[in-house]
Each structure stands twice: as structure tokens, then as C-alpha cells.
Amino acid sequence: MDSLTRQAGNRLLRKRTGMGYGVKLMVWGDYACFTRPEMKTERVSYDVMTPSAARGILEAIHWKPAIRWVIDRIRVLNEIRFDSVRRNEVEGKVPARTVAEAMQGREVDLHQYAPKERQQRAALILRDVSYMIEAHFELTDKAGPEDTEDKHLNMALRRMREGQCFHRPYFGCREFPVNFRLAEERAVPESCHKGERDLGWMLWDLDFDNGMTPRFFRPVMRYGVIDVPDLRKGGDGADSHGPY
């Protein structure tokens, strides 16, 4: 793609959504697991990708303290199919108190010994997933004079086009990597889903400003499209804590 065509594409993607610029990202993979928090022992995935998982994918590609990604819409392109598998997991995790002691300079053991703690657990995961993420970013109060929307938009677009990322994005678990590309075509891929489908209560994201409180919403998928409210601004259908 020559520079003039690329600049024209950038102008098309500079669609204002509130305070930010919008992007469209195609993501797909063999497996995914967006774990329901009510399932404590064995993992069971939500039917579709959560907004927090979509945000994590975008942040893996481009993130700075000066910007905040906001998910506007998730398009579910493939049929929702589940597989039941067994996975090796460790029983526990390194205690936060031990980590705090290490940060204070004390000699502590931060290792986890997987052979001693390994457990095999069942998981109900998604297979052959494909989504389009529509999102925009907003500047935060940490943005400096050099942090402009054009600057961060061009950085994000370049990294999406070239397949660059800070770490490999994943669908809920690190063993389920994400393939991604920037969707620059005007035609939107058609979803296989018809009509409406109530997806029930779903995790929206964690409220990091209030003690990492989980916040939930109740999405409805219409012809494969899920409109995501911004609960930080009291979006439609907002509910602070959901049913949990």
C-alpha cells in the first residue's frame, strides 16, 4: 500500500466517537475461553468475547498511559461452538503477601513448582472463533503536550497493519493466541447469526478506580452485533455489579 493510499485510509478511520478516534480490528483463532466468574473450579466460557478481553487485545498491540481504549461494538462472525477439553493447571498462586515482602527486599521464594501443584481440570471452551472489534481511544489525564490523537492513532494503525504487538494477544488464556489484522475495507463482514439473542449477564470490565470492582452488563446480540455501553459514563443498560 503506497503512502497516499495509506493516508487516505487513515482519514477514513478518523471517525469521531465521543472524544476519540475509531479503529476496526479483525481477530480470529482456533480456540478461546472467556471464563465465567461464577464457575470457580472448572472453566466455562461465555458464548462470545467480553469487552474486557477485546480491550486486552488492543492494549497488547498499542497502549500508553496517555490513552484509554473503549470498546464500541463487537461483531460475532462465526457460529458459536463449544469443545470440552481437559487442561493442566496449577492448584494455587504466589501469595500477594510474599510478593510484597520480595518488593521490600526480603529473601523469599517466589517460585511455583508446577509438578507438585499440577491439576487436570475440565474446561468448556469456544472453537473456531472470529470477531470484529470496533473501538476508539480517549486521552487520559496522563497525556502530555506531545500526546495527540493523531499521533496515537497513526501508531496504533501502523502496528495493526504490520502485526506488531508488545506481547502476543490471546483469547482469555495465553494458550489461545489471537491472529489479527486491521480492517480497512469499507464492506463489513457478514455474520452468520440472524435475529436477536439475549446473552445474559456478562463481565464488562474491572473498575480499576474503585478497588478493581467487577462490573457487568446484559448484552443482546442483534444479527451478530453487540453494542457495548461505556459504563464509566453510565451507558445504556448499565449495571454496576450485575447478579453477583
Foldseek 3Di string as FASTA:
>chain_A
DDPVVVVVLLVVQQDDDPAWTKFKKKKWFFWFACFDPVDPPEGEGFQDAAQALVQQQLVQQPDDLFKGKDWFKKFWAEDRDKDKDKDKDFQDAFDPVQVVVVVVVDDDDRDDDSVVGIDIHIYIITGGTMMMIMITMHTDPPDDPVDDNVVRSVSSQVSQAVVHGNDFRARNDPVTTMDMHTPSDPDDRFHPDAAKDWSQKDWHAFDPVPVRQTWIFTWMQHRRMTGRFDVVVPGPRGDGHHPD
